[in-house]
Amino acid sequence: MEQGWMAIKDQGRRGHNFILNRAYDQELGGVQERLSRFQSEWPERHIDIGGAIWSYRRTGDSTCPLVMLPGVQGGGDMFFEIGLKLGRQLDMLTVTAPPIVGVRDLADAQAQFLHSLEIPHVDLFGSSLGGYIAQVFTIRYPHLVRRLFLSNTFVDAAPFLATQPPLAAISRMPASYLVNSNLKSMLGAPAFDSGERALHAVLQTLVGTTQSPESYKARVLTLLGAVPVSRVPLADNEVVLIDDDADPEILPQMRSTIRERYRNGRRYTIEHGGHLPAVQRPSAVIDVICAELLSEPLSNM
């Protein structure tokens, strides 16, 4: 998998920080076909953990899969582009959690989920809210996590939460109303490049359908209840940051805080990757995963 390495070598490097600039290189008209192909190649499975149904897709059977945790929107299928490219090389486990509210309860339930699949260790990739959940999970279960990827996420959501409606007001909303209202707002935002247009197409397909309104609402409530988290108990070289200076959801103060928290780890800035680069710039995310999990250490570059 040297392609990922060569692509990264060609980018700017500042110490442990790498700057990746990729155009959206997928066929925009083929988004729905690729999503359907991913869903067909790796059928969704379900498991009941204490009355809560976890949904997942898995591409292998190793003892240390790459577990992909999505943010608020879309569920595990948001990683379909990554799964199509790397599913044959890596044991990938994309997760759609049940509508559990509260990050600690969600992290504890996730540990039970992994235990039920007899998985002793994971490489953990969390996007947006999934990155926040991944940090809480790692703090509570550090013995289960080998490497942590934190993509476009935060350690303290206070600046973002200050602009949002009160948690109690959202709690009273019917789940379907919340989905329709938020989806209308998301899809109504201008799409300035092909990656953003692809994101709109994926959100329209997954949110409220593949991802149930109840699951979506639970993720929103978990986000609104987010409190600051401490540093994960992993070594610097076991934490990888992915971000974008122009991410519209992670405010500059939030981005600065998490960069400072993990300043001695490796950071990949995906320019124009937006908030969800796994959809908007999947090739760049694939390069990062290849560099970290399928090739030599960065120190040997």
Protein backbone atom coordinates (compact mmCIF):
# COMPACT_ATOMS: atom_id res chain seq x y z
CA MET A 1 0.00 0.00 0.00
CA GLU A 2 2.78 2.46 -0.90
CA GLN A 3 0.37 4.71 -2.76
CA GLY A 4 -0.78 6.27 0.50
CA TRP A 5 2.80 6.82 1.60
CA MET A 6 3.85 8.43 -1.65
CA ALA A 7 0.81 10.70 -1.60
CA ILE A 8 1.65 11.84 1.91
CA LYS A 9 5.35 12.27 1.15
CA ASP A 10 4.44 14.71 -1.61
CA GLN A 11 2.61 16.96 0.84
CA GLY A 12 3.90 19.61 3.21
CA ARG A 13 5.35 18.37 6.50
CA ARG A 14 5.90 20.36 9.69
CA GLY A 15 7.35 18.14 12.39
CA HIS A 16 4.64 15.63 13.22
CA ASN A 17 2.11 17.51 11.09
CA PHE A 18 1.22 16.69 7.50
CA ILE A 19 -0.81 18.78 5.08
CA LEU A 20 -2.77 16.84 2.45
CA ASN A 21 -4.43 18.58 -0.45
CA ARG A 22 -6.65 16.32 -2.56
CA ALA A 23 -9.35 17.06 -5.04
CA TYR A 24 -12.53 15.04 -4.74
CA ASP A 25 -11.57 12.25 -7.14
CA GLN A 26 -14.64 10.00 -7.02
CA GLU A 27 -17.35 9.88 -9.67
CA LEU A 28 -20.03 12.15 -8.25
CA GLY A 29 -22.81 10.46 -10.21
CA GLY A 30 -21.75 7.09 -8.80
CA VAL A 31 -22.19 7.93 -5.10
CA GLN A 32 -25.41 5.97 -4.71
CA GLU A 33 -24.02 3.00 -6.64
CA ARG A 34 -20.89 2.84 -4.47
CA LEU A 35 -22.92 3.12 -1.28
CA SER A 36 -25.20 0.30 -2.46
CA ARG A 37 -22.21 -1.81 -3.44
CA PHE A 38 -20.64 -1.39 0.00
CA GLN A 39 -23.92 -2.36 1.64
CA SER A 40 -24.23 -5.39 -0.64
CA GLU A 41 -20.65 -6.62 -0.29
CA TRP A 42 -20.77 -6.47 3.49
CA PRO A 43 -24.38 -7.06 4.62
CA GLU A 44 -25.45 -5.39 7.82
CA ARG A 45 -25.50 -7.58 10.90
CA HIS A 46 -27.34 -7.01 14.15
CA ILE A 47 -26.74 -8.02 17.73
CA ASP A 48 -28.88 -7.51 20.83
CA ILE A 49 -26.93 -6.25 23.85
CA GLY A 50 -29.20 -5.92 26.86
CA GLY A 51 -32.21 -5.15 24.71
CA ALA A 52 -30.39 -2.58 22.56
CA ILE A 53 -29.77 -3.50 18.92
CA TRP A 54 -26.33 -2.73 17.52
CA SER A 55 -25.93 -2.73 13.74
CA TYR A 56 -22.57 -3.23 12.06
CA ARG A 57 -20.75 -4.32 8.93
CA ARG A 58 -17.46 -6.17 9.12
CA THR A 59 -14.97 -6.92 6.36
CA GLY A 60 -12.72 -9.43 8.16
CA ASP A 61 -12.20 -11.48 11.31
CA SER A 62 -8.93 -10.34 12.91
CA THR A 63 -8.28 -9.91 16.63
CA CYS A 64 -7.77 -6.16 16.20
CA PRO A 65 -10.23 -4.62 13.71
CA LEU A 66 -10.36 -0.99 12.70
CA VAL A 67 -13.60 0.13 14.36
CA MET A 68 -15.24 3.13 12.69
CA LEU A 69 -17.47 5.35 14.85
CA PRO A 70 -19.59 7.93 12.98
CA GLY A 71 -20.79 11.29 14.22
CA VAL A 72 -24.37 12.45 14.61
CA GLN A 73 -25.41 11.82 11.01
CA GLY A 74 -25.77 8.71 8.94
CA GLY A 75 -24.47 5.85 11.06
CA GLY A 76 -21.66 3.47 10.11
CA ASP A 77 -22.44 3.57 6.39
CA MET A 78 -20.92 7.05 6.28
CA PHE A 79 -17.60 5.20 5.88
CA PHE A 80 -18.65 3.38 2.71
CA GLU A 81 -15.92 4.90 0.52
CA ILE A 82 -13.23 3.79 2.98
CA GLY A 83 -14.75 0.33 3.24
CA LEU A 84 -14.85 -0.16 -0.53
CA LYS A 85 -11.16 0.72 -0.90
CA LEU A 86 -9.70 -0.92 2.22
CA GLY A 87 -12.19 -3.63 3.14
CA ARG A 88 -10.07 -6.31 1.44
CA GLN A 89 -6.85 -5.21 3.15
CA LEU A 90 -8.16 -4.37 6.61
CA ASP A 91 -10.66 -5.89 8.99
CA MET A 92 -13.01 -2.90 9.19
CA LEU A 93 -15.98 -2.76 11.54
CA THR A 94 -18.41 0.09 10.85
CA VAL A 95 -20.78 0.67 13.75
CA THR A 96 -24.28 2.12 14.04
CA ALA A 97 -25.09 2.32 17.74
CA PRO A 98 -28.60 1.99 19.19
CA PRO A 99 -30.37 5.13 20.47
CA ILE A 100 -28.47 5.30 23.77
CA VAL A 101 -28.19 8.83 25.19
CA GLY A 102 -25.15 9.83 27.23
CA VAL A 103 -21.52 9.33 26.28
CA ARG A 104 -20.54 7.19 29.27
CA ASP A 105 -23.49 4.86 28.84
CA LEU A 106 -22.71 4.67 25.13
CA ALA A 107 -19.03 3.91 25.76
CA ASP A 108 -19.87 1.20 28.29
CA ALA A 109 -22.41 -0.35 25.91
CA GLN A 110 -19.81 -0.27 23.16
CA ALA A 111 -17.42 -2.25 25.36
CA GLN A 112 -20.14 -4.87 25.84
CA PHE A 113 -20.72 -4.90 22.08
CA LEU A 114 -17.04 -5.60 21.39
CA HIS A 115 -16.97 -8.25 24.13
CA SER A 116 -19.96 -9.98 22.54
CA LEU A 117 -18.02 -10.20 19.26
CA GLU A 118 -15.01 -11.58 21.17
CA ILE A 119 -12.79 -8.69 20.06
CA PRO A 120 -9.86 -8.20 22.48
CA HIS A 121 -8.29 -5.07 20.92
CA VAL A 122 -9.22 -2.39 18.40
CA ASP A 123 -7.80 0.42 16.35
CA LEU A 124 -10.47 3.06 16.88
CA PHE A 125 -11.46 5.71 14.34
CA GLY A 126 -13.94 8.34 15.54
CA SER A 127 -15.39 11.05 13.33
CA SER A 128 -16.98 14.21 14.77
CA LEU A 129 -19.10 13.12 17.77
CA GLY A 130 -17.67 9.64 17.18
CA GLY A 131 -14.22 11.05 17.98
CA TYR A 132 -15.50 12.41 21.27
CA ILE A 133 -17.10 9.05 22.09
CA ALA A 134 -13.85 7.31 21.09
CA GLN A 135 -11.90 9.41 23.60
CA VAL A 136 -14.33 8.61 26.42
CA PHE A 137 -14.22 4.93 25.47
CA THR A 138 -10.41 4.95 25.49
CA ILE A 139 -10.29 6.67 28.88
CA ARG A 140 -12.63 4.05 30.33
CA TYR A 141 -11.17 1.04 28.50
CA PRO A 142 -7.56 1.87 27.59
CA HIS A 143 -6.56 -1.82 27.52
CA LEU A 144 -8.85 -2.35 24.52
CA VAL A 145 -7.42 0.39 22.26
CA ARG A 146 -4.19 -0.02 20.29
CA ARG A 147 -4.35 3.16 18.20
CA LEU A 148 -6.77 6.08 18.15
CA PHE A 149 -7.77 8.17 15.13
CA LEU A 150 -9.58 11.41 16.02
CA SER A 151 -11.13 12.96 12.93
CA ASN A 152 -12.65 16.45 12.98
CA THR A 153 -13.64 16.24 16.62
CA PHE A 154 -13.20 17.98 19.96
CA VAL A 155 -12.28 17.61 23.62
CA ASP A 156 -14.54 20.47 24.73
CA ALA A 157 -17.70 21.31 22.81
CA ALA A 158 -18.58 24.40 24.89
CA PRO A 159 -18.02 26.97 22.08
CA PHE A 160 -20.32 25.01 19.76
CA LEU A 161 -22.92 24.24 22.42
CA ALA A 162 -23.22 27.93 23.28
CA THR A 163 -24.86 28.44 19.86
CA GLN A 164 -27.30 25.51 20.14
CA PRO A 165 -30.85 25.21 21.56
CA PRO A 166 -31.14 23.92 25.15
CA LEU A 167 -30.98 20.17 25.58
CA ALA A 168 -34.42 20.15 27.22
CA ALA A 169 -35.99 21.77 24.16
CA ILE A 170 -34.50 19.16 21.82
CA SER A 171 -35.56 16.36 24.18
CA ARG A 172 -39.19 17.38 23.72
CA MET A 173 -39.04 17.32 19.92
CA PRO A 174 -40.37 14.26 18.07
CA ALA A 175 -37.43 12.44 16.49
CA SER A 176 -38.86 12.65 12.97
CA TYR A 177 -39.39 16.40 13.30
CA LEU A 178 -35.80 16.88 14.47
CA VAL A 179 -34.46 14.85 11.54
CA ASN A 180 -36.55 16.69 8.96
CA SER A 181 -35.68 20.11 10.39
CA ASN A 182 -31.95 19.48 10.64
CA LEU A 183 -31.73 17.66 7.31
CA LYS A 184 -33.49 20.54 5.57
CA SER A 185 -30.94 22.92 7.06
CA MET A 186 -27.97 20.75 6.09
CA LEU A 187 -29.14 20.14 2.54
CA GLY A 188 -30.06 23.79 2.13
CA ALA A 189 -26.48 24.90 2.74
CA PRO A 190 -24.52 25.77 -0.43
CA ALA A 191 -22.32 22.98 -1.83
CA PHE A 192 -19.18 24.61 -3.19
CA ASP A 193 -17.40 21.54 -4.55
CA SER A 194 -18.04 17.94 -5.57
CA GLY A 195 -17.16 16.62 -2.12
CA GLU A 196 -19.85 18.71 -0.51
CA ARG A 197 -22.36 17.64 -3.16
CA ALA A 198 -21.47 14.02 -2.46
CA LEU A 199 -22.03 14.65 1.25
CA HIS A 200 -25.48 16.06 0.56
CA ALA A 201 -26.38 12.98 -1.48
CA VAL A 202 -25.18 10.61 1.26
CA LEU A 203 -26.98 12.48 4.05
CA GLN A 204 -30.20 12.51 2.07
CA THR A 205 -29.94 8.75 1.59
CA LEU A 206 -28.93 7.69 5.10
CA VAL A 207 -30.34 10.13 7.67
CA GLY A 208 -33.80 9.18 8.85
CA THR A 209 -33.84 5.93 6.84
CA THR A 210 -30.81 3.67 7.27
CA GLN A 211 -30.13 5.69 10.41
CA SER A 212 -33.44 5.80 12.28
CA PRO A 213 -34.85 9.11 13.55
CA GLU A 214 -34.55 7.76 17.11
CA SER A 215 -30.86 6.99 16.62
CA TYR A 216 -30.26 10.42 15.12
CA LYS A 217 -32.00 12.14 18.02
CA ALA A 218 -30.02 10.12 20.56
CA ARG A 219 -26.76 11.26 18.94
CA VAL A 220 -27.91 14.90 18.99
CA LEU A 221 -28.81 14.64 22.68
CA THR A 222 -25.45 13.01 23.42
CA LEU A 223 -23.69 15.90 21.67
CA LEU A 224 -25.71 18.52 23.56
CA GLY A 225 -24.79 16.81 26.83
CA ALA A 226 -21.08 16.68 26.05
CA VAL A 227 -18.68 17.74 28.83
CA PRO A 228 -14.92 18.32 28.53
CA VAL A 229 -12.79 15.17 28.55
CA SER A 230 -9.25 14.59 29.77
CA ARG A 231 -6.35 13.26 27.73
CA VAL A 232 -6.59 9.63 26.69
CA PRO A 233 -4.06 7.33 28.41
CA LEU A 234 -2.21 6.40 25.22
CA ALA A 235 1.33 7.18 24.10
CA ASP A 236 1.80 10.12 21.74
CA ASN A 237 2.55 7.85 18.77
CA GLU A 238 -0.73 5.99 19.32
CA VAL A 239 -2.92 9.07 18.72
CA VAL A 240 -3.57 10.42 15.22
CA LEU A 241 -5.45 13.66 14.52
CA ILE A 242 -7.25 14.44 11.26
CA ASP A 243 -8.71 17.90 10.73
CA ASP A 244 -9.24 20.84 8.39
CA ASP A 245 -8.66 24.51 9.17
CA ALA A 246 -11.89 25.34 7.32
CA ASP A 247 -14.07 22.73 9.06
CA PRO A 248 -17.40 24.58 9.47
CA GLU A 249 -18.53 22.55 12.51
CA ILE A 250 -15.39 22.42 14.67
CA LEU A 251 -14.89 26.03 15.70
CA PRO A 252 -11.33 27.42 15.71
CA GLN A 253 -11.14 27.43 19.52
CA MET A 254 -12.21 23.78 19.65
CA ARG A 255 -9.71 22.83 16.95
CA SER A 256 -6.92 24.69 18.72
CA THR A 257 -7.69 22.96 22.02
CA ILE A 258 -7.55 19.42 20.65
CA ARG A 259 -4.41 20.19 18.63
CA GLU A 260 -2.71 21.41 21.76
CA ARG A 261 -3.93 18.40 23.75
CA TYR A 262 -2.34 15.96 21.27
CA ARG A 263 0.44 18.16 19.94
CA ASN A 264 3.04 15.38 20.21
CA GLY A 265 0.98 12.94 18.16
CA ARG A 266 0.73 12.94 14.38
CA ARG A 267 -1.71 15.34 12.74
CA TYR A 268 -2.98 15.25 9.17
CA THR A 269 -4.67 18.40 7.94
CA ILE A 270 -6.85 17.56 4.93
CA GLU A 271 -7.37 20.83 3.13
CA HIS A 272 -10.94 21.24 1.87
CA GLY A 273 -11.85 18.03 3.68
CA GLY A 274 -14.67 19.80 5.48
CA HIS A 275 -16.24 18.24 8.54
CA LEU A 276 -16.65 14.74 7.12
CA PRO A 277 -13.58 14.00 4.96
CA ALA A 278 -14.43 10.27 4.82
CA VAL A 279 -17.15 11.38 2.38
CA GLN A 280 -15.78 14.69 1.11
CA ARG A 281 -12.14 13.65 0.59
CA PRO A 282 -12.10 9.85 1.02
CA SER A 283 -8.81 9.33 -0.82
CA ALA A 284 -7.00 11.51 1.70
CA VAL A 285 -8.47 9.59 4.64
CA ILE A 286 -7.54 6.32 2.95
CA ASP A 287 -3.95 7.59 2.56
CA VAL A 288 -3.79 8.39 6.28
CA ILE A 289 -5.10 4.96 7.29
CA CYS A 290 -2.68 3.25 4.90
CA ALA A 291 0.22 5.26 6.28
CA GLU A 292 -0.66 4.45 9.86
CA LEU A 293 -1.78 0.83 9.63
CA LEU A 294 -0.43 -0.70 6.40
CA SER A 295 3.12 0.55 6.05
CA GLU A 296 6.28 1.56 7.86
CA PRO A 297 6.33 4.02 10.82
CA LEU A 298 6.47 7.71 9.97
CA SER A 299 9.82 7.95 11.69
CA ASN A 300 11.30 5.81 8.88
CA MET A 301 10.13 8.11 6.08
